[in-house]
Amino acid sequence: MQRTTTSLAAPCDLTIVILTLNEELHIERCIQSLQGVAIRIVVVDSYSTDRTCELAICAGAEVIHHKFLNHASQFNWALDNAEISSTWVMKLDADETLTPSLVKALRIAFATALPEHTGYTINLGRIFLGKFLRYGALYPIRLLRIWRAGFGRIENRWMDEHVIVDGAINHIDADFYDHNLNNITWWTQKHNQYATREAIEFLMNKDRIDVPGNTHAMNVDARVKRWIKRTIYARLPLGLRAFLYFLYRYFLRLGFLDGRQGLIFHFLQGFWYRFLVDVKIQELKFSMKKGGLTLAQVVREEYGFEID
């Protein structure tokens, strides 16, 4: 992992928005990696009970609060209410950091951007249990995280949401890192919650391909993955598809070359998590059929939140 350094150059005309909930373990590290690159760092906090807000303010960020429903609605609320006046906006998670090479590349990209350049993808690198994972289709993953203010929003989805922009998308060939420092118990609990949301999202949109008609709206990698997921993966038998996906990533895409950490990550994220999503899909469908209820009614009764 590259070390971050503070740049003496003038900050870019960029606002970075970070969503948080009890992120005291990560927030200082995240903000420190942003020093000198943005004119404004906005933390949208979901009423943390730890020192997240205190640490964010001390590190130089602004903090605003809003009740969390899902990631998409929370970020779109920030776009509408954070009074963003910069030319560019960037979406970042609290457990992510920018590399010095990306900071440098951002300065060049913004300085040379043409009017038709609306969004930028950057390379995601993942560090898991202390190891940078290079195989198993994990690196590089191009994510659209930067766009012109007013030209992009997050899809209104419960899971697997992407940034949709109005205009051309370019790529910056530099990395940012996802490096969560929590333990495996935290990781599995979080993915259990993700699995619930993904099962709900699947049943809400099971008959829709859901790829934007505007070919520039979503970056190419995201469009291809969405198409594969909705037209191939979704049509495979529940349960079996998780096993096949693990075999694809771990063997065909050489995930085993990342050693012990690769095995753990691909088994948990590529098999266990995907299998758990399928189990929850079946459970929701059974509850709907047994009680003669709609999906919204089942979700309200069993999970306590509204999806209408």
C-alpha atoms as a PDB file:
ATOM      1  CA  MET A   1       0.000   0.000   0.000  1.00  0.00           C
ATOM      2  CA  GLN A   2       1.389   3.406  -0.960  1.00  0.00           C
ATOM      3  CA  ARG A   3       1.945   6.049   1.687  1.00  0.00           C
ATOM      4  CA  THR A   4      -0.081   9.236   1.451  1.00  0.00           C
ATOM      5  CA  THR A   5       1.594  12.629   1.410  1.00  0.00           C
ATOM      6  CA  THR A   6       0.281  16.142   1.848  1.00  0.00           C
ATOM      7  CA  SER A   7       0.535  18.206  -1.336  1.00  0.00           C
ATOM      8  CA  LEU A   8       1.545  21.866  -1.260  1.00  0.00           C
ATOM      9  CA  ALA A   9      -0.339  22.565  -4.508  1.00  0.00           C
ATOM     10  CA  ALA A  10      -3.629  24.465  -4.471  1.00  0.00           C
ATOM     11  CA  PRO A  11      -6.637  22.215  -3.917  1.00  0.00           C
ATOM     12  CA  CYS A  12      -8.752  21.193  -6.887  1.00  0.00           C
ATOM     13  CA  ASP A  13     -12.244  22.562  -7.471  1.00  0.00           C
ATOM     14  CA  LEU A  14     -13.596  19.362  -5.953  1.00  0.00           C
ATOM     15  CA  THR A  15     -15.996  18.399  -3.158  1.00  0.00           C
ATOM     16  CA  ILE A  16     -15.573  14.929  -1.672  1.00  0.00           C
ATOM     17  CA  VAL A  17     -18.622  13.410   0.030  1.00  0.00           C
ATOM     18  CA  ILE A  18     -18.181  10.602   2.571  1.00  0.00           C
ATOM     19  CA  LEU A  19     -21.067   8.702   4.199  1.00  0.00           C
ATOM     20  CA  THR A  20     -20.402   7.497   7.736  1.00  0.00           C
ATOM     21  CA  LEU A  21     -21.837   5.507  10.608  1.00  0.00           C
ATOM     22  CA  ASN A  22     -19.468   4.676  13.467  1.00  0.00           C
ATOM     23  CA  GLU A  23     -16.305   4.980  11.378  1.00  0.00           C
ATOM     24  CA  GLU A  24     -13.846   6.215  14.001  1.00  0.00           C
ATOM     25  CA  LEU A  25     -11.465   3.446  12.961  1.00  0.00           C
ATOM     26  CA  HIS A  26     -11.165   4.796   9.416  1.00  0.00           C
ATOM     27  CA  ILE A  27     -12.254   8.411   9.092  1.00  0.00           C
ATOM     28  CA  GLU A  28      -8.974  10.122  10.034  1.00  0.00           C
ATOM     29  CA  ARG A  29      -6.973   7.925   7.663  1.00  0.00           C
ATOM     30  CA  CYS A  30      -9.452   8.610   4.860  1.00  0.00           C
ATOM     31  CA  ILE A  31      -9.422  12.382   5.293  1.00  0.00           C
ATOM     32  CA  GLN A  32      -5.636  12.505   5.651  1.00  0.00           C
ATOM     33  CA  SER A  33      -5.316  10.892   2.213  1.00  0.00           C
ATOM     34  CA  LEU A  34      -7.405  13.756   0.775  1.00  0.00           C
ATOM     35  CA  GLN A  35      -5.369  16.648   2.128  1.00  0.00           C
ATOM     36  CA  GLY A  36      -4.659  19.267  -0.499  1.00  0.00           C
ATOM     37  CA  VAL A  37      -6.739  17.699  -3.268  1.00  0.00           C
ATOM     38  CA  ALA A  38     -10.249  19.063  -2.507  1.00  0.00           C
ATOM     39  CA  ILE A  39     -11.571  22.467  -1.545  1.00  0.00           C
ATOM     40  CA  ARG A  40     -14.216  20.799   0.615  1.00  0.00           C
ATOM     41  CA  ILE A  41     -14.743  17.469   2.380  1.00  0.00           C
ATOM     42  CA  VAL A  42     -18.293  16.763   3.538  1.00  0.00           C
ATOM     43  CA  VAL A  43     -19.075  13.918   5.915  1.00  0.00           C
ATOM     44  CA  VAL A  44     -22.743  12.898   5.922  1.00  0.00           C
ATOM     45  CA  ASP A  45     -23.156  11.037   9.187  1.00  0.00           C
ATOM     46  CA  SER A  46     -26.042   8.737  10.154  1.00  0.00           C
ATOM     47  CA  TYR A  47     -25.924   9.709  13.837  1.00  0.00           C
ATOM     48  CA  SER A  48     -22.791   7.828  14.871  1.00  0.00           C
ATOM     49  CA  THR A  49     -22.433   6.921  18.527  1.00  0.00           C
ATOM     50  CA  ASP A  50     -18.621   6.825  18.491  1.00  0.00           C
ATOM     51  CA  ARG A  51     -16.046   9.586  17.813  1.00  0.00           C
ATOM     52  CA  THR A  52     -16.539   9.652  14.033  1.00  0.00           C
ATOM     53  CA  CYS A  53     -17.853  13.215  13.871  1.00  0.00           C
ATOM     54  CA  GLU A  54     -15.323  14.613  16.332  1.00  0.00           C
ATOM     55  CA  LEU A  55     -12.424  13.052  14.455  1.00  0.00           C
ATOM     56  CA  ALA A  56     -13.759  14.171  11.070  1.00  0.00           C
ATOM     57  CA  ILE A  57     -14.053  17.790  12.196  1.00  0.00           C
ATOM     58  CA  CYS A  58     -10.568  17.742  13.725  1.00  0.00           C
ATOM     59  CA  ALA A  59      -9.220  16.352  10.446  1.00  0.00           C
ATOM     60  CA  GLY A  60     -10.710  19.280   8.504  1.00  0.00           C
ATOM     61  CA  ALA A  61     -14.054  17.978   7.230  1.00  0.00           C
ATOM     62  CA  GLU A  62     -17.536  19.430   7.591  1.00  0.00           C
ATOM     63  CA  VAL A  63     -20.140  17.169   9.191  1.00  0.00           C
ATOM     64  CA  ILE A  64     -23.875  17.118   8.509  1.00  0.00           C
ATOM     65  CA  HIS A  65     -26.378  14.576   9.788  1.00  0.00           C
ATOM     66  CA  HIS A  66     -29.176  12.669   8.099  1.00  0.00           C
ATOM     67  CA  LYS A  67     -31.076   9.497   8.956  1.00  0.00           C
ATOM     68  CA  PHE A  68     -29.953   6.559   6.815  1.00  0.00           C
ATOM     69  CA  LEU A  69     -32.374   4.561   4.643  1.00  0.00           C
ATOM     70  CA  ASN A  70     -30.033   3.173   2.021  1.00  0.00           C
ATOM     71  CA  HIS A  71     -26.785   4.213   0.410  1.00  0.00           C
ATOM     72  CA  ALA A  72     -28.346   5.656  -2.750  1.00  0.00           C
ATOM     73  CA  SER A  73     -30.916   7.839  -1.013  1.00  0.00           C
ATOM     74  CA  GLN A  74     -28.354   9.038   1.532  1.00  0.00           C
ATOM     75  CA  PHE A  75     -25.870  10.159  -1.097  1.00  0.00           C
ATOM     76  CA  ASN A  76     -28.519  11.775  -3.282  1.00  0.00           C
ATOM     77  CA  TRP A  77     -29.733  13.644  -0.206  1.00  0.00           C
ATOM     78  CA  ALA A  78     -26.192  14.953   0.224  1.00  0.00           C
ATOM     79  CA  LEU A  79     -26.107  16.115  -3.399  1.00  0.00           C
ATOM     80  CA  ASP A  80     -29.351  18.019  -2.835  1.00  0.00           C
ATOM     81  CA  ASN A  81     -28.632  19.462   0.608  1.00  0.00           C
ATOM     82  CA  ALA A  82     -24.879  19.910   1.089  1.00  0.00           C
ATOM     83  CA  GLU A  83     -24.828  23.124  -0.998  1.00  0.00           C
ATOM     84  CA  ILE A  84     -22.103  21.856  -3.297  1.00  0.00           C
ATOM     85  CA  SER A  85     -20.676  24.713  -5.375  1.00  0.00           C
ATOM     86  CA  SER A  86     -17.512  23.092  -6.740  1.00  0.00           C
ATOM     87  CA  THR A  87     -17.115  22.006 -10.358  1.00  0.00           C
ATOM     88  CA  TRP A  88     -16.473  18.382  -9.451  1.00  0.00           C
ATOM     89  CA  VAL A  89     -17.905  15.899  -6.926  1.00  0.00           C
ATOM     90  CA  MET A  90     -16.319  12.703  -5.680  1.00  0.00           C
ATOM     91  CA  LYS A  91     -17.949   9.792  -3.832  1.00  0.00           C
ATOM     92  CA  LEU A  92     -15.785   8.050  -1.256  1.00  0.00           C
ATOM     93  CA  ASP A  93     -16.320   5.571   1.581  1.00  0.00           C
ATOM     94  CA  ALA A  94     -14.763   6.077   5.000  1.00  0.00           C
ATOM     95  CA  ASP A  95     -12.635   2.917   4.699  1.00  0.00           C
ATOM     96  CA  GLU A  96     -11.173   4.071   1.372  1.00  0.00           C
ATOM     97  CA  THR A  97      -8.083   6.185   0.676  1.00  0.00           C
ATOM     98  CA  LEU A  98      -6.598   7.931  -2.334  1.00  0.00           C
ATOM     99  CA  THR A  99      -3.075   7.075  -3.443  1.00  0.00           C
ATOM    100  CA  PRO A 100      -0.581   9.900  -4.168  1.00  0.00           C
ATOM    101  CA  SER A 101      -0.558   8.837  -7.819  1.00  0.00           C
ATOM    102  CA  LEU A 102      -4.325   9.310  -7.988  1.00  0.00           C
ATOM    103  CA  VAL A 103      -4.096  12.737  -6.347  1.00  0.00           C
ATOM    104  CA  LYS A 104      -1.565  13.758  -8.976  1.00  0.00           C
ATOM    105  CA  ALA A 105      -3.664  12.291 -11.787  1.00  0.00           C
ATOM    106  CA  LEU A 106      -6.772  14.120 -10.560  1.00  0.00           C
ATOM    107  CA  ARG A 107      -4.983  17.467 -10.780  1.00  0.00           C
ATOM    108  CA  ILE A 108      -3.972  16.750 -14.363  1.00  0.00           C
ATOM    109  CA  ALA A 109      -7.430  15.485 -15.340  1.00  0.00           C
ATOM    110  CA  PHE A 110      -9.259  18.509 -13.927  1.00  0.00           C
ATOM    111  CA  ALA A 111      -6.775  20.945 -15.471  1.00  0.00           C
ATOM    112  CA  THR A 112      -7.155  19.414 -18.934  1.00  0.00           C
ATOM    113  CA  ALA A 113     -10.850  18.415 -18.831  1.00  0.00           C
ATOM    114  CA  LEU A 114     -12.912  19.372 -21.854  1.00  0.00           C
ATOM    115  CA  PRO A 115     -16.532  20.553 -21.420  1.00  0.00           C
ATOM    116  CA  GLU A 116     -17.827  17.187 -22.629  1.00  0.00           C
ATOM    117  CA  HIS A 117     -15.879  15.317 -19.932  1.00  0.00           C
ATOM    118  CA  THR A 118     -18.582  14.675 -17.363  1.00  0.00           C
ATOM    119  CA  GLY A 119     -17.403  11.704 -15.322  1.00  0.00           C
ATOM    120  CA  TYR A 120     -14.249   9.777 -14.468  1.00  0.00           C
ATOM    121  CA  THR A 121     -13.671   6.184 -13.498  1.00  0.00           C
ATOM    122  CA  ILE A 122     -10.713   5.241 -11.281  1.00  0.00           C
ATOM    123  CA  ASN A 123      -9.144   1.915 -10.293  1.00  0.00           C
ATOM    124  CA  LEU A 124     -10.294   0.234  -7.085  1.00  0.00           C
ATOM    125  CA  GLY A 125      -7.694  -1.833  -5.273  1.00  0.00           C
ATOM    126  CA  ARG A 126      -8.764  -4.029  -2.353  1.00  0.00           C
ATOM    127  CA  ILE A 127      -6.691  -4.833   0.741  1.00  0.00           C
ATOM    128  CA  PHE A 128      -8.095  -7.744   2.752  1.00  0.00           C
ATOM    129  CA  LEU A 129      -6.559  -9.150   5.935  1.00  0.00           C
ATOM    130  CA  GLY A 130      -3.475  -7.087   5.214  1.00  0.00           C
ATOM    131  CA  LYS A 131      -2.954  -8.307   1.637  1.00  0.00           C
ATOM    132  CA  PHE A 132      -3.519  -6.483  -1.643  1.00  0.00           C
ATOM    133  CA  LEU A 133      -5.719  -8.807  -3.737  1.00  0.00           C
ATOM    134  CA  ARG A 134      -4.624  -8.815  -7.365  1.00  0.00           C
ATOM    135  CA  TYR A 135      -6.408 -11.874  -8.757  1.00  0.00           C
ATOM    136  CA  GLY A 136      -9.887 -13.332  -8.985  1.00  0.00           C
ATOM    137  CA  ALA A 137     -11.208 -10.443 -11.129  1.00  0.00           C
ATOM    138  CA  LEU A 138     -10.606  -8.046  -8.241  1.00  0.00           C
ATOM    139  CA  TYR A 139      -7.987  -5.708  -9.712  1.00  0.00           C
ATOM    140  CA  PRO A 140      -8.369  -3.323 -11.266  1.00  0.00           C
ATOM    141  CA  ILE A 141     -12.086  -2.649 -10.935  1.00  0.00           C
ATOM    142  CA  ARG A 142     -13.062   0.583 -12.677  1.00  0.00           C
ATOM    143  CA  LEU A 143     -15.583   2.564 -10.654  1.00  0.00           C
ATOM    144  CA  LEU A 144     -17.240   5.843 -11.613  1.00  0.00           C
ATOM    145  CA  ARG A 145     -16.580   7.970  -8.551  1.00  0.00           C
ATOM    146  CA  ILE A 146     -16.013  11.494  -9.938  1.00  0.00           C
ATOM    147  CA  TRP A 147     -18.367  13.681 -11.966  1.00  0.00           C
ATOM    148  CA  ARG A 148     -19.317  17.266 -12.698  1.00  0.00           C
ATOM    149  CA  ALA A 149     -21.627  18.686 -10.060  1.00  0.00           C
ATOM    150  CA  GLY A 150     -25.199  18.643 -11.297  1.00  0.00           C
ATOM    151  CA  PHE A 151     -24.521  15.997 -13.967  1.00  0.00           C
ATOM    152  CA  GLY A 152     -24.635  12.831 -11.875  1.00  0.00           C
ATOM    153  CA  ARG A 153     -26.744  10.976  -9.333  1.00  0.00           C
ATOM    154  CA  ILE A 154     -26.821   7.582  -7.680  1.00  0.00           C
ATOM    155  CA  GLU A 155     -29.273   4.991  -8.970  1.00  0.00           C
ATOM    156  CA  ASN A 156     -32.314   4.582  -6.752  1.00  0.00           C
ATOM    157  CA  ARG A 157     -31.549   0.995  -5.735  1.00  0.00           C
ATOM    158  CA  TRP A 158     -31.260  -0.855  -2.437  1.00  0.00           C
ATOM    159  CA  MET A 159     -28.004  -2.565  -3.458  1.00  0.00           C
ATOM    160  CA  ASP A 160     -25.528  -2.590  -6.332  1.00  0.00           C
ATOM    161  CA  GLU A 161     -26.177   1.088  -7.010  1.00  0.00           C
ATOM    162  CA  HIS A 162     -24.006   2.962  -9.510  1.00  0.00           C
ATOM    163  CA  VAL A 163     -23.398   6.578 -10.402  1.00  0.00           C
ATOM    164  CA  ILE A 164     -25.347   7.680 -13.484  1.00  0.00           C
ATOM    165  CA  VAL A 165     -23.979  10.698 -15.353  1.00  0.00           C
ATOM    166  CA  ASP A 166     -25.207  12.781 -18.242  1.00  0.00           C
ATOM    167  CA  GLY A 167     -22.238  12.962 -20.595  1.00  0.00           C
ATOM    168  CA  ALA A 168     -18.983  11.278 -21.577  1.00  0.00           C
ATOM    169  CA  ILE A 169     -17.018   9.118 -19.134  1.00  0.00           C
ATOM    170  CA  ASN A 170     -13.214   9.051 -19.172  1.00  0.00           C
ATOM    171  CA  HIS A 171     -10.826   6.867 -17.195  1.00  0.00           C
ATOM    172  CA  ILE A 172      -8.015   7.916 -14.864  1.00  0.00           C
ATOM    173  CA  ASP A 173      -5.538   5.054 -14.641  1.00  0.00           C
ATOM    174  CA  ALA A 174      -4.652   5.454 -10.971  1.00  0.00           C
ATOM    175  CA  ASP A 175      -5.749   3.692  -7.806  1.00  0.00           C
ATOM    176  CA  PHE A 176      -7.710   4.221  -4.650  1.00  0.00           C
ATOM    177  CA  TYR A 177      -7.808   1.569  -1.939  1.00  0.00           C
ATOM    178  CA  ASP A 178     -10.576  -0.177  -0.045  1.00  0.00           C
ATOM    179  CA  HIS A 179      -8.898  -1.244   3.212  1.00  0.00           C
ATOM    180  CA  ASN A 180     -11.316  -1.995   6.023  1.00  0.00           C
ATOM    181  CA  LEU A 181      -9.656  -2.533   9.405  1.00  0.00           C
ATOM    182  CA  ASN A 182     -12.560  -4.244  11.186  1.00  0.00           C
ATOM    183  CA  ASN A 183     -12.499  -7.957  12.021  1.00  0.00           C
ATOM    184  CA  ILE A 184     -14.194 -10.828  10.196  1.00  0.00           C
ATOM    185  CA  THR A 185     -17.123 -10.855  12.628  1.00  0.00           C
ATOM    186  CA  TRP A 186     -17.906  -7.256  11.640  1.00  0.00           C
ATOM    187  CA  TRP A 187     -17.403  -8.110   7.960  1.00  0.00           C
ATOM    188  CA  THR A 188     -19.819 -11.052   8.018  1.00  0.00           C
ATOM    189  CA  GLN A 189     -22.440  -9.093   9.968  1.00  0.00           C
ATOM    190  CA  LYS A 190     -22.245  -6.267   7.435  1.00  0.00           C
ATOM    191  CA  HIS A 191     -22.558  -8.659   4.508  1.00  0.00           C
ATOM    192  CA  ASN A 192     -25.510 -10.344   6.179  1.00  0.00           C
ATOM    193  CA  GLN A 193     -27.239  -6.952   6.071  1.00  0.00           C
ATOM    194  CA  TYR A 194     -26.133  -6.461   2.463  1.00  0.00           C
ATOM    195  CA  ALA A 195     -27.584  -9.857   1.569  1.00  0.00           C
ATOM    196  CA  THR A 196     -30.986  -8.823   2.885  1.00  0.00           C
ATOM    197  CA  ARG A 197     -30.931  -5.648   0.813  1.00  0.00           C
ATOM    198  CA  GLU A 198     -29.743  -7.448  -2.292  1.00  0.00           C
ATOM    199  CA  ALA A 199     -32.466 -10.080  -1.980  1.00  0.00           C
ATOM    200  CA  ILE A 200     -35.044  -7.302  -1.691  1.00  0.00           C
ATOM    201  CA  GLU A 201     -33.538  -5.489  -4.670  1.00  0.00           C
ATOM    202  CA  PHE A 202     -33.645  -8.692  -6.731  1.00  0.00           C
ATOM    203  CA  LEU A 203     -37.332  -9.313  -6.022  1.00  0.00           C
ATOM    204  CA  MET A 204     -38.213  -5.673  -6.645  1.00  0.00           C
ATOM    205  CA  ASN A 205     -36.607  -5.777 -10.108  1.00  0.00           C
ATOM    206  CA  LYS A 206     -36.650  -9.459 -11.054  1.00  0.00           C
ATOM    207  CA  ASP A 207     -38.292  -8.831 -14.423  1.00  0.00           C
ATOM    208  CA  ARG A 208     -36.125  -5.876 -15.454  1.00  0.00           C
ATOM    209  CA  ILE A 209     -32.717  -5.859 -17.113  1.00  0.00           C
ATOM    210  CA  ASP A 210     -32.176  -2.355 -15.761  1.00  0.00           C
ATOM    211  CA  VAL A 211     -29.313  -1.112 -17.928  1.00  0.00           C
ATOM    212  CA  PRO A 212     -29.648   2.585 -18.774  1.00  0.00           C
ATOM    213  CA  GLY A 213     -30.559   3.374 -22.357  1.00  0.00           C
ATOM    214  CA  ASN A 214     -28.025   6.195 -22.519  1.00  0.00           C
ATOM    215  CA  THR A 215     -24.751   4.400 -23.334  1.00  0.00           C
ATOM    216  CA  HIS A 216     -22.774   7.075 -21.484  1.00  0.00           C
ATOM    217  CA  ALA A 217     -24.912   7.023 -18.362  1.00  0.00           C
ATOM    218  CA  MET A 218     -23.018   4.209 -16.620  1.00  0.00           C
ATOM    219  CA  ASN A 219     -19.393   3.243 -17.118  1.00  0.00           C
ATOM    220  CA  VAL A 220     -18.697   0.262 -19.394  1.00  0.00           C
ATOM    221  CA  ASP A 221     -17.551  -2.147 -16.670  1.00  0.00           C
ATOM    222  CA  ALA A 222     -20.683  -1.490 -14.626  1.00  0.00           C
ATOM    223  CA  ARG A 223     -22.971  -1.939 -17.643  1.00  0.00           C
ATOM    224  CA  VAL A 224     -21.357  -5.240 -18.603  1.00  0.00           C
ATOM    225  CA  LYS A 225     -21.500  -6.598 -15.049  1.00  0.00           C
ATOM    226  CA  ARG A 226     -25.126  -5.497 -14.656  1.00  0.00           C
ATOM    227  CA  TRP A 227     -26.055  -7.193 -17.940  1.00  0.00           C
ATOM    228  CA  ILE A 228     -24.310 -10.449 -16.959  1.00  0.00           C
ATOM    229  CA  LYS A 229     -25.890 -10.401 -13.519  1.00  0.00           C
ATOM    230  CA  ARG A 230     -29.431  -9.809 -14.765  1.00  0.00           C
ATOM    231  CA  THR A 231     -29.421 -11.939 -17.936  1.00  0.00           C
ATOM    232  CA  ILE A 232     -27.119 -14.862 -17.076  1.00  0.00           C
ATOM    233  CA  TYR A 233     -26.450 -15.138 -13.344  1.00  0.00           C
ATOM    234  CA  ALA A 234     -30.065 -14.397 -12.337  1.00  0.00           C
ATOM    235  CA  ARG A 235     -31.339 -17.202 -14.572  1.00  0.00           C
ATOM    236  CA  LEU A 236     -29.160 -19.893 -12.989  1.00  0.00           C
ATOM    237  CA  PRO A 237     -30.615 -22.087 -10.220  1.00  0.00           C
ATOM    238  CA  LEU A 238     -30.572 -20.560  -6.742  1.00  0.00           C
ATOM    239  CA  GLY A 239     -27.627 -21.852  -4.736  1.00  0.00           C
ATOM    240  CA  LEU A 240     -25.834 -23.483  -7.669  1.00  0.00           C
ATOM    241  CA  ARG A 241     -24.974 -20.118  -9.165  1.00  0.00           C
ATOM    242  CA  ALA A 242     -23.060 -19.097  -6.037  1.00  0.00           C
ATOM    243  CA  PHE A 243     -20.905 -22.212  -6.278  1.00  0.00           C
ATOM    244  CA  LEU A 244     -20.234 -21.640  -9.989  1.00  0.00           C
ATOM    245  CA  TYR A 245     -19.347 -18.016  -9.328  1.00  0.00           C
ATOM    246  CA  PHE A 246     -16.805 -19.061  -6.686  1.00  0.00           C
ATOM    247  CA  LEU A 247     -15.216 -21.567  -9.085  1.00  0.00           C
ATOM    248  CA  TYR A 248     -15.010 -18.894 -11.780  1.00  0.00           C
ATOM    249  CA  ARG A 249     -13.275 -16.359  -9.553  1.00  0.00           C
ATOM    250  CA  TYR A 250     -11.064 -18.679  -7.545  1.00  0.00           C
ATOM    251  CA  PHE A 251      -9.874 -20.987 -10.324  1.00  0.00           C
ATOM    252  CA  LEU A 252     -10.566 -19.503 -13.771  1.00  0.00           C
ATOM    253  CA  ARG A 253      -9.618 -15.971 -12.681  1.00  0.00           C
ATOM    254  CA  LEU A 254      -6.714 -17.247 -10.552  1.00  0.00           C
ATOM    255  CA  GLY A 255      -7.956 -16.054  -7.180  1.00  0.00           C
ATOM    256  CA  PHE A 256      -5.914 -18.838  -5.535  1.00  0.00           C
ATOM    257  CA  LEU A 257      -2.734 -16.894  -6.393  1.00  0.00           C
ATOM    258  CA  ASP A 258      -3.557 -14.478  -3.562  1.00  0.00           C
ATOM    259  CA  GLY A 259      -2.913 -17.236  -1.039  1.00  0.00           C
ATOM    260  CA  ARG A 260      -4.765 -17.594   2.254  1.00  0.00           C
ATOM    261  CA  GLN A 261      -6.380 -14.165   2.022  1.00  0.00           C
ATOM    262  CA  GLY A 262      -7.565 -14.918  -1.506  1.00  0.00           C
ATOM    263  CA  LEU A 263      -9.188 -18.168  -0.407  1.00  0.00           C
ATOM    264  CA  ILE A 264     -10.953 -16.505   2.520  1.00  0.00           C
ATOM    265  CA  PHE A 265     -12.179 -13.539   0.503  1.00  0.00           C
ATOM    266  CA  HIS A 266     -13.409 -15.477  -2.514  1.00  0.00           C
ATOM    267  CA  PHE A 267     -15.096 -18.145  -0.404  1.00  0.00           C
ATOM    268  CA  LEU A 268     -16.843 -15.616   1.837  1.00  0.00           C
ATOM    269  CA  GLN A 269     -17.650 -12.923  -0.723  1.00  0.00           C
ATOM    270  CA  GLY A 270     -17.902 -15.069  -3.866  1.00  0.00           C
ATOM    271  CA  PHE A 271     -19.722 -18.095  -2.411  1.00  0.00           C
ATOM    272  CA  TRP A 272     -21.044 -17.592   1.141  1.00  0.00           C
ATOM    273  CA  TYR A 273     -22.429 -14.112   0.490  1.00  0.00           C
ATOM    274  CA  ARG A 274     -23.977 -14.999  -2.891  1.00  0.00           C
ATOM    275  CA  PHE A 275     -25.477 -18.182  -1.393  1.00  0.00           C
ATOM    276  CA  LEU A 276     -26.886 -16.182   1.518  1.00  0.00           C
ATOM    277  CA  VAL A 277     -28.573 -13.789  -0.928  1.00  0.00           C
ATOM    278  CA  ASP A 278     -30.239 -16.768  -2.631  1.00  0.00           C
ATOM    279  CA  VAL A 279     -31.443 -18.164   0.706  1.00  0.00           C
ATOM    280  CA  LYS A 280     -32.944 -14.807   1.622  1.00  0.00           C
ATOM    281  CA  ILE A 281     -34.660 -14.572  -1.780  1.00  0.00           C
ATOM    282  CA  GLN A 282     -36.268 -17.946  -1.149  1.00  0.00           C
ATOM    283  CA  GLU A 283     -37.247 -16.963   2.392  1.00  0.00           C
ATOM    284  CA  LEU A 284     -38.887 -13.722   1.250  1.00  0.00           C
ATOM    285  CA  LYS A 285     -40.794 -15.513  -1.509  1.00  0.00           C
ATOM    286  CA  PHE A 286     -41.996 -18.152   0.962  1.00  0.00           C
ATOM    287  CA  SER A 287     -43.188 -15.513   3.428  1.00  0.00           C
ATOM    288  CA  MET A 288     -45.025 -13.657   0.669  1.00  0.00           C
ATOM    289  CA  LYS A 289     -46.755 -16.823  -0.539  1.00  0.00           C
ATOM    290  CA  LYS A 290     -47.564 -18.168   2.930  1.00  0.00           C
ATOM    291  CA  GLY A 291     -49.089 -14.961   4.197  1.00  0.00           C
ATOM    292  CA  GLY A 292     -50.540 -13.687   0.919  1.00  0.00           C
ATOM    293  CA  LEU A 293     -48.470 -10.545   1.397  1.00  0.00           C
ATOM    294  CA  THR A 294     -46.651  -8.160  -0.885  1.00  0.00           C
ATOM    295  CA  LEU A 295     -42.880  -7.828  -0.761  1.00  0.00           C
ATOM    296  CA  ALA A 296     -43.233  -4.439   0.923  1.00  0.00           C
ATOM    297  CA  GLN A 297     -45.451  -5.928   3.637  1.00  0.00           C
ATOM    298  CA  VAL A 298     -43.029  -8.778   4.338  1.00  0.00           C
ATOM    299  CA  VAL A 299     -40.043  -6.438   4.494  1.00  0.00           C
ATOM    300  CA  ARG A 300     -41.920  -4.129   6.863  1.00  0.00           C
ATOM    301  CA  GLU A 301     -42.938  -6.979   9.166  1.00  0.00           C
ATOM    302  CA  GLU A 302     -39.659  -8.925   9.166  1.00  0.00           C
ATOM    303  CA  TYR A 303     -37.039  -6.191   8.771  1.00  0.00           C
ATOM    304  CA  GLY A 304     -38.792  -3.039   9.907  1.00  0.00           C
ATOM    305  CA  PHE A 305     -38.205  -0.682   7.015  1.00  0.00           C
ATOM    306  CA  GLU A 306     -40.192   0.656   4.089  1.00  0.00           C
ATOM    307  CA  ILE A 307     -39.400  -0.062   0.442  1.00  0.00           C
ATOM    308  CA  ASP A 308     -42.431   1.523  -1.242  1.00  0.00           C
END
